[in-house]
Protein backbone atom coordinates (compact mmCIF):
# COMPACT_ATOMS: atom_id res chain seq x y z
CA UNK A 1 -0.14 -0.03 0.10
CA UNK A 2 1.38 3.54 -0.74
CA UNK A 3 2.30 6.10 1.62
CA UNK A 4 -0.32 8.91 2.15
CA UNK A 5 0.82 12.66 1.75
CA UNK A 6 0.97 13.02 5.43
CA UNK A 7 2.80 9.65 6.16
CA UNK A 8 5.68 10.77 3.50
CA UNK A 9 5.99 14.32 4.89
CA UNK A 10 6.35 12.94 8.45
CA UNK A 11 8.72 10.01 7.89
CA UNK A 12 12.34 10.19 7.94
CA UNK A 13 14.25 8.85 4.98
CA UNK A 14 14.39 5.17 5.00
CA UNK A 15 12.36 4.98 8.35
CA UNK A 16 9.61 2.74 8.35
CA UNK A 17 6.01 4.23 8.51
CA UNK A 18 4.27 4.78 11.99
CA UNK A 19 0.98 5.51 10.68
CA UNK A 20 -0.73 2.74 12.32
CA UNK A 21 0.56 3.67 15.87
CA UNK A 22 0.66 7.28 15.77
CA UNK A 23 -2.64 9.07 16.14
CA UNK A 24 -3.17 12.08 13.87
CA UNK A 25 -3.37 15.23 15.73
CA UNK A 26 -6.79 17.41 15.46
CA UNK A 27 -6.44 20.25 13.07
CA UNK A 28 -8.25 22.62 15.58
CA UNK A 29 -8.30 22.06 19.67
CA UNK A 30 -11.22 20.42 21.56
CA UNK A 31 -12.74 23.92 22.84
CA UNK A 32 -15.14 21.85 25.32
CA UNK A 33 -12.10 20.34 26.52
CA UNK A 34 -10.58 23.50 27.59
CA UNK A 35 -13.54 23.98 30.08
CA UNK A 36 -14.22 20.48 31.27
CA UNK A 37 -12.73 20.86 34.56
CA UNK A 38 -14.75 24.11 35.72
CA UNK A 39 -17.26 23.72 38.42
CA UNK A 40 -20.94 23.96 37.57
CA UNK A 41 -21.35 27.56 39.00
CA UNK A 42 -18.37 28.93 36.97
CA UNK A 43 -18.85 30.98 33.89
CA UNK A 44 -18.49 29.04 30.73
CA UNK A 45 -17.61 30.44 27.65
CA UNK A 46 -19.66 27.95 25.55
CA UNK A 47 -22.74 29.21 27.53
CA UNK A 48 -21.84 33.04 27.40
CA UNK A 49 -24.88 35.57 26.80
CA UNK A 50 -22.98 36.74 23.89
CA UNK A 51 -21.45 39.78 22.19
CA UNK A 52 -23.42 43.10 21.34
CA UNK A 53 -22.49 42.46 17.48
CA UNK A 54 -22.80 38.81 16.28
CA UNK A 55 -19.75 37.38 15.04
CA UNK A 56 -18.44 33.90 13.99
CA UNK A 57 -17.10 31.92 17.03
CA UNK A 58 -13.36 31.71 17.31
CA UNK A 59 -11.75 28.49 15.94
CA UNK A 60 -8.73 28.09 18.30
CA UNK A 61 -9.72 29.50 21.63
CA UNK A 62 -12.61 30.15 23.73
CA UNK A 63 -14.97 33.37 23.63
CA UNK A 64 -13.53 34.72 26.83
CA UNK A 65 -9.68 33.71 25.46
CA UNK A 66 -10.79 36.19 22.78
CA UNK A 67 -11.84 38.89 25.06
CA UNK A 68 -8.60 38.97 26.58
CA UNK A 69 -6.54 39.04 23.67
CA UNK A 70 -8.50 41.90 22.31
CA UNK A 71 -7.76 43.77 25.51
CA UNK A 72 -4.05 43.03 25.53
CA UNK A 73 -4.00 44.43 22.12
CA UNK A 74 -6.00 47.57 22.69
CA UNK A 75 -4.56 51.05 22.65
CA UNK A 76 -6.32 51.83 26.12
CA UNK A 77 -4.37 48.87 27.81
CA UNK A 78 -0.98 50.21 26.37
CA UNK A 79 -1.72 53.53 27.70
CA UNK A 80 -2.02 52.18 31.25
CA UNK A 81 1.84 51.90 31.22
CA UNK A 82 2.02 55.94 31.88
CA UNK A 83 -1.19 56.45 34.09
CA UNK A 84 -0.78 56.78 37.81
CA UNK A 85 -1.68 54.51 40.63
CA UNK A 86 -0.52 56.68 43.76
CA UNK A 87 2.98 58.12 42.11
CA UNK A 88 2.59 60.22 39.12
CA UNK A 89 4.59 58.87 36.12
CA UNK A 90 7.66 60.99 36.20
CA UNK A 91 7.85 60.60 40.12
CA UNK A 92 10.14 57.50 39.64
CA UNK A 93 10.73 54.56 37.38
CA UNK A 94 9.76 51.79 39.89
CA UNK A 95 6.69 52.66 41.32
CA UNK A 96 3.30 50.76 40.11
CA UNK A 97 1.29 51.98 37.14
CA UNK A 98 -2.23 51.21 36.12
CA UNK A 99 -0.53 48.61 33.88
CA UNK A 100 1.45 47.03 36.33
CA UNK A 101 -1.17 46.87 38.86
CA UNK A 102 -3.51 45.17 36.11
CA UNK A 103 -1.10 42.52 35.80
CA UNK A 104 -0.64 41.91 39.25
CA UNK A 105 -4.48 41.84 39.87
CA UNK A 106 -4.77 39.12 36.89
CA UNK A 107 -2.15 37.07 38.84
CA UNK A 108 -3.79 37.11 41.97
CA UNK A 109 -7.18 36.67 40.42
CA UNK A 110 -5.84 33.66 38.12
CA UNK A 111 -4.45 31.88 41.15
CA UNK A 112 -7.82 32.01 43.16
CA UNK A 113 -9.81 31.02 40.34
CA UNK A 114 -7.78 28.02 39.60
CA UNK A 115 -8.40 26.55 43.11
CA UNK A 116 -11.84 27.22 42.80
CA UNK A 117 -12.27 25.74 39.53
CA UNK A 118 -13.82 28.74 37.83
CA UNK A 119 -12.84 30.22 34.42
CA UNK A 120 -9.31 31.51 34.72
CA UNK A 121 -9.77 33.21 31.34
CA UNK A 122 -12.77 35.34 32.27
CA UNK A 123 -11.12 36.54 35.36
CA UNK A 124 -7.86 37.39 33.56
CA UNK A 125 -9.81 39.33 30.88
CA UNK A 126 -11.73 41.04 33.55
CA UNK A 127 -8.65 41.79 35.59
CA UNK A 128 -6.82 43.45 32.66
CA UNK A 129 -9.74 45.54 31.72
CA UNK A 130 -11.23 46.88 34.94
CA UNK A 131 -8.99 50.13 34.89
CA UNK A 132 -9.02 50.96 31.15
CA UNK A 133 -11.24 53.86 31.96
CA UNK A 134 -8.98 55.43 34.53
CA UNK A 135 -8.31 58.95 33.99
CA UNK A 136 -4.65 60.35 34.14
CA UNK A 137 -3.30 61.19 37.85
CA UNK A 138 -5.40 58.09 39.69
CA UNK A 139 -8.24 59.25 41.65
CA UNK A 140 -7.64 62.80 41.84
CA UNK A 141 -7.82 63.07 38.13
CA UNK A 142 -11.34 60.92 38.32
CA UNK A 143 -12.57 63.32 40.99
CA UNK A 144 -11.70 66.35 39.12
CA UNK A 145 -13.36 65.03 35.79
CA UNK A 146 -16.61 63.94 37.78
CA UNK A 147 -16.55 67.41 39.45
CA UNK A 148 -16.49 68.96 35.82
CA UNK A 149 -19.15 66.45 34.63
CA UNK A 150 -21.45 67.17 37.41
CA UNK A 151 -23.96 68.96 35.34
CA UNK A 152 -23.60 66.43 32.45
CA UNK A 153 -24.31 62.97 34.01
CA UNK A 154 -20.70 62.82 36.03
CA UNK A 155 -18.08 60.71 35.72
CA UNK A 156 -17.72 56.96 36.92
CA UNK A 157 -14.33 55.23 35.99
CA UNK A 158 -15.99 51.88 35.83
CA UNK A 159 -18.71 53.31 33.22
CA UNK A 160 -15.64 54.79 31.46
CA UNK A 161 -14.15 51.43 31.13
CA UNK A 162 -17.13 50.16 29.78
CA UNK A 163 -17.48 52.95 27.07
CA UNK A 164 -13.83 52.07 26.06
CA UNK A 165 -14.75 48.55 25.29
CA UNK A 166 -17.97 49.15 23.71
CA UNK A 167 -17.40 52.31 21.63
CA UNK A 168 -14.02 54.24 21.96
CA UNK A 169 -11.44 51.54 20.73
CA UNK A 170 -11.32 51.68 16.95
CA UNK A 171 -9.67 48.48 16.06
CA UNK A 172 -12.26 46.44 13.75
CA UNK A 173 -13.98 47.07 10.70
CA UNK A 174 -17.49 45.93 11.51
CA UNK A 175 -17.82 47.43 14.99
CA UNK A 176 -16.57 50.23 17.38
CA UNK A 177 -14.99 49.07 20.77
CA UNK A 178 -13.86 45.47 21.30
CA UNK A 179 -17.30 43.82 21.22
CA UNK A 180 -16.75 41.92 24.36
CA UNK A 181 -18.67 39.04 25.90
CA UNK A 182 -21.62 40.02 28.22
CA UNK A 183 -19.68 38.09 31.05
CA UNK A 184 -16.76 40.27 30.70
CA UNK A 185 -18.30 43.74 30.23
CA UNK A 186 -20.34 42.64 33.35
CA UNK A 187 -17.22 42.21 35.34
CA UNK A 188 -15.55 45.48 34.30
CA UNK A 189 -18.82 47.28 35.48
CA UNK A 190 -17.67 46.78 39.19
CA UNK A 191 -19.69 49.79 40.33
CA UNK A 192 -22.57 51.82 38.84
CA UNK A 193 -25.14 54.29 40.33
CA UNK A 194 -28.88 53.21 39.90
CA UNK A 195 -29.36 56.26 37.42
CA UNK A 196 -26.67 55.09 35.15
CA UNK A 197 -27.73 51.35 35.74
CA UNK A 198 -31.38 51.94 34.32
CA UNK A 199 -29.81 53.09 31.02
CA UNK A 200 -27.60 49.99 30.63
CA UNK A 201 -30.42 47.34 29.96
CA UNK A 202 -29.52 43.71 31.06
CA UNK A 203 -26.03 44.85 32.17
CA UNK A 204 -27.64 47.15 34.81
CA UNK A 205 -30.23 44.86 36.27
CA UNK A 206 -28.11 43.43 38.83
CA UNK A 207 -27.43 46.85 40.53
CA UNK A 208 -31.03 47.54 40.38
CA UNK A 209 -32.30 43.94 41.57
CA UNK A 210 -29.13 43.63 44.39
CA UNK A 211 -28.03 40.54 42.25
CA UNK A 212 -24.41 39.80 42.14
CA UNK A 213 -22.08 39.25 39.31
CA UNK A 214 -20.28 36.01 38.23
CA UNK A 215 -17.79 34.33 40.75
CA UNK A 216 -15.12 35.62 38.44
CA UNK A 217 -16.01 39.13 38.76
CA UNK A 218 -16.00 38.70 42.35
CA UNK A 219 -12.82 37.15 42.24
CA UNK A 220 -11.35 40.16 40.23
CA UNK A 221 -12.88 42.71 42.59
CA UNK A 222 -11.18 41.41 45.89
CA UNK A 223 -7.98 40.65 43.85
CA UNK A 224 -7.73 44.33 42.93
CA UNK A 225 -7.97 45.23 46.60
CA UNK A 226 -5.24 42.86 47.69
CA UNK A 227 -3.04 44.03 44.80
CA UNK A 228 -3.26 47.81 45.31
CA UNK A 229 -3.28 47.63 49.24
CA UNK A 230 0.08 45.71 49.24
CA UNK A 231 1.75 47.41 46.27
CA UNK A 232 0.80 50.87 47.84
CA UNK A 233 2.57 49.52 51.05
CA UNK A 234 5.86 48.76 49.10
CA UNK A 235 5.69 51.81 46.97
CA UNK A 236 4.96 54.24 50.03
CA UNK A 237 7.96 52.56 51.86
CA UNK A 238 10.19 52.66 48.80
CA UNK A 239 9.16 56.53 48.30
CA UNK A 240 9.85 57.33 51.95
CA UNK A 241 6.54 58.68 52.68
CA UNK A 242 6.12 55.47 54.90
CA UNK A 243 8.43 53.83 57.25
CA UNK A 244 8.59 50.61 58.63
CA UNK A 245 8.40 52.07 62.29
CA UNK A 246 4.91 53.65 61.26
CA UNK A 247 3.77 50.24 59.92
CA UNK A 248 4.41 48.61 63.23
CA UNK A 249 0.71 49.79 64.25
CA UNK A 250 -0.74 47.78 61.31
CA UNK A 251 -1.26 44.01 62.85
CA UNK A 252 -1.39 42.47 59.10
CA UNK A 253 2.00 43.99 58.31
CA UNK A 254 3.88 43.44 62.07
CA UNK A 255 3.01 39.93 62.30
CA UNK A 256 4.43 39.04 58.92
CA UNK A 257 7.38 41.47 59.38
CA UNK A 258 8.41 39.78 62.84
CA UNK A 259 7.68 36.25 61.19
CA UNK A 260 10.09 37.00 58.05
CA UNK A 261 12.74 38.42 60.56
CA UNK A 262 12.58 35.20 62.67
CA UNK A 263 12.93 32.94 59.75
CA UNK A 264 15.76 35.06 58.07
CA UNK A 265 17.82 37.24 60.59
CA UNK A 266 20.14 37.94 58.16
CA UNK A 267 18.20 39.95 55.60
CA UNK A 268 17.18 43.76 55.76
CA UNK A 269 16.15 46.81 53.70
CA UNK A 270 14.24 46.15 50.46
CA UNK A 271 14.50 42.29 50.80
CA UNK A 272 13.07 42.27 54.19
CA UNK A 273 10.03 44.66 52.73
CA UNK A 274 9.67 42.05 49.61
CA UNK A 275 9.56 39.17 52.06
CA UNK A 276 7.11 40.55 54.23
CA UNK A 277 4.83 42.00 51.21
CA UNK A 278 4.63 38.60 49.56
CA UNK A 279 3.77 36.74 52.75
CA UNK A 280 0.77 39.15 53.55
CA UNK A 281 -0.45 38.69 49.85
CA UNK A 282 -0.11 34.58 50.44
CA UNK A 283 -2.07 35.07 53.54
CA UNK A 284 -4.70 37.06 51.70
CA UNK A 285 -5.10 34.78 48.86
CA UNK A 286 -5.12 31.45 51.03
CA UNK A 287 -7.83 32.83 53.30
CA UNK A 288 -9.78 33.91 50.54
CA UNK A 289 -9.75 30.59 48.80
CA UNK A 290 -10.66 28.98 51.95
CA UNK A 291 -13.28 30.96 53.01
CA UNK A 292 -14.79 31.15 49.70
CA UNK A 293 -14.73 27.46 49.35
CA UNK A 294 -16.77 27.12 52.53
CA UNK A 295 -19.16 29.85 51.41
CA UNK A 296 -19.62 27.77 47.85
CA UNK A 297 -20.15 24.63 50.17
CA UNK A 298 -22.91 26.42 52.11
CA UNK A 299 -24.79 27.85 49.52
CA UNK A 300 -24.20 25.13 46.91
CA UNK A 301 -24.86 27.08 43.75
CA UNK A 302 -25.50 24.72 41.08
CA UNK A 303 -25.10 27.21 37.90
CA UNK A 304 -23.88 30.70 37.12
CA UNK A 305 -27.77 31.81 37.77
CA UNK A 306 -27.52 30.48 41.27
CA UNK A 307 -24.47 32.32 41.72
CA UNK A 308 -26.04 35.40 40.91
CA UNK A 309 -28.89 35.09 43.16
CA UNK A 310 -26.91 34.19 46.18
CA UNK A 311 -25.26 36.56 48.59
CA UNK A 312 -21.73 37.54 47.67
CA UNK A 313 -19.39 34.42 47.98
CA UNK A 314 -16.08 35.62 47.34
CA UNK A 315 -14.85 37.10 50.69
CA UNK A 316 -12.18 36.79 53.33
CA UNK A 317 -12.83 35.54 56.80
CA UNK A 318 -14.20 38.05 59.39
CA UNK A 319 -10.77 38.24 61.25
CA UNK A 320 -8.64 38.66 57.85
CA UNK A 321 -11.06 41.05 56.52
CA UNK A 322 -10.66 43.04 59.72
CA UNK A 323 -6.96 43.07 59.30
CA UNK A 324 -7.25 44.20 55.63
CA UNK A 325 -9.68 47.09 56.49
CA UNK A 326 -7.08 48.14 59.05
CA UNK A 327 -4.34 48.41 56.40
CA UNK A 328 -6.67 50.16 54.21
CA UNK A 329 -7.32 52.80 56.90
CA UNK A 330 -3.71 53.22 57.58
CA UNK A 331 -2.80 53.98 54.01
CA UNK A 332 -5.71 56.47 53.57
CA UNK A 333 -4.18 58.37 56.68
CA UNK A 334 -0.52 58.12 56.16
CA UNK A 335 0.00 57.91 52.36
CA UNK A 336 -3.12 59.05 50.45
CA UNK A 337 -3.14 62.01 52.53
CA UNK A 338 0.55 62.85 52.87
CA UNK A 339 1.18 66.38 52.20
CA UNK A 340 3.40 65.42 48.95
CA UNK A 341 0.58 63.35 47.57
CA UNK A 342 -1.88 65.86 48.11
CA UNK A 343 0.37 68.55 46.58
CA UNK A 344 0.50 66.22 43.35
CA UNK A 345 -3.19 65.59 43.54
CA UNK A 346 -3.87 69.46 43.64
CA UNK A 347 -1.84 70.11 40.72
CA UNK A 348 -3.58 67.07 39.04
CA UNK A 349 -6.82 68.71 39.85
CA UNK A 350 -5.82 72.01 38.25
CA UNK A 351 -4.47 70.05 35.22
CA UNK A 352 -7.74 68.26 34.55
CA UNK A 353 -10.08 71.16 35.51
CA UNK A 354 -7.95 73.62 33.18
CA UNK A 355 -8.45 71.58 30.21
CA UNK A 356 -11.87 70.78 30.68
CA UNK A 357 -12.79 74.26 31.00
CA UNK A 358 -10.73 75.50 28.02
CA UNK A 359 -12.16 72.64 25.82
CA UNK A 360 -15.68 73.88 26.85
CA UNK A 361 -15.04 77.44 26.33
CA UNK A 362 -13.77 76.56 22.65
CA UNK A 363 -14.43 72.98 21.30
CA UNK A 364 -12.40 74.19 18.26
CA UNK A 365 -9.45 73.44 20.32
CA UNK A 366 -10.03 69.82 20.35
CA UNK A 367 -9.00 67.25 17.75
CA UNK A 368 -11.41 67.11 15.27
CA UNK A 369 -12.76 63.43 16.43
CA UNK A 370 -13.81 64.88 19.65
CA UNK A 371 -15.71 67.91 18.36
CA UNK A 372 -19.42 67.58 17.97
CA UNK A 373 -21.91 70.13 16.57
CA UNK A 374 -24.28 68.69 19.07
CA UNK A 375 -23.66 71.04 22.43
CA UNK A 376 -25.62 68.38 24.70
CA UNK A 377 -23.02 65.70 23.82
CA UNK A 378 -19.82 67.92 23.78
CA UNK A 379 -18.96 67.86 27.35
CA UNK A 380 -19.03 63.75 27.26
CA UNK A 381 -16.83 64.17 24.21
CA UNK A 382 -14.29 66.20 26.19
CA UNK A 383 -14.50 63.68 29.24
CA UNK A 384 -13.54 60.80 27.06
CA UNK A 385 -10.79 62.98 25.31
CA UNK A 386 -9.15 63.72 28.92
CA UNK A 387 -9.87 60.39 30.41
CA UNK A 388 -7.98 58.82 27.60
CA UNK A 389 -4.52 60.95 28.22
CA UNK A 390 -1.63 59.48 30.28
CA UNK A 391 -0.23 61.38 32.98
CA UNK A 392 2.58 62.67 30.90
CA UNK A 393 0.41 63.67 28.08
CA UNK A 394 -2.08 65.74 30.13
CA UNK A 395 0.82 67.67 31.48
CA UNK A 396 2.26 68.37 28.08
CA UNK A 397 -1.37 69.26 26.69
CA UNK A 398 -1.84 71.60 29.66
CA UNK A 399 1.44 73.15 28.73
CA UNK A 400 0.74 73.38 25.00
CA UNK A 401 -2.80 75.30 26.04
CA UNK A 402 -1.60 77.59 28.75
CA UNK A 403 2.35 78.27 28.56
CA UNK A 404 3.95 80.43 26.13
CA UNK A 405 7.43 78.99 25.29
CA UNK A 406 10.15 81.16 26.16
CA UNK A 407 12.52 81.11 23.16
């Protein structure tokens, strides 16, 4: 019997054919097998509530993997590299940015999701996209833009993230935005006012009815808090705005700091800080997995719909939650309200309000894509433009608008 084409291509010269014993590889992966390990309460990509615009299904990845890939390749995601967490971009190269924060959230969330047998791809997509709508200059920029938009519907960064993935990204010929799955968009919308929820249709129903998002969205939400609390401690110490002596009053820090010193009496400085922070993160993750597992056993959700009808299931134990809350209060008092951070926040507020007022007074100063003949929607166009800026671009734009160069 003659060789088939595939046999002749695969066989070495002079080698005997192994076609009878070597199974052929499938041309495409078995997508169902990629989710066969998931618990019944997990979000399954094959059962997604779909996209705003119909598309042919992907052939070599799940729907949620496609969402993640689109987020990573988006312009808004790249901009996160130059958007503030606490310290403005020019203040140092080693401080966290929105991009590194999003990567840390995704890493924590995936670890939790894997242990709970829920969808890692969806958790990763939500984690990577949750800050896409953040303004430059962190919360100071957000608060300033919300103040500017008070008479025009306000500004919520979660809604802005949704606007980015639904409309503002320009990558595809068939639609605006990234056309993500319902479950990914649901997870991005962490908070929402009731007024705005009423305008979002099915996506806003849970805020009006008191229902929960998916387990995956709940995981991303808590992973966000774990990441920023701990990297803000690390950045605060690196900047000199916090000291180890100050942190001694925080039980969650001090217990792990003392344990690290006992286990490694020879280390000090940055190594001791890193060892302490990683232990805190591990404690928070393990406690989150253990407590959530107990909640899942107690409520026994048999489907994603049952998760939505249950109380929040992803949580820390009472003791660890209290310790984490104490750390958060410490950071608010000693870092976020530190006079040097407040000075930069005040500058950021001036930049955002100055730009908004100038563009409102004369929309012709805006790039053409953000100019509108409809005065009613022009403020929102301005908000989109400012929210999309990086820290350094906002500072340069402010300088271009208001500083006359001295040649």
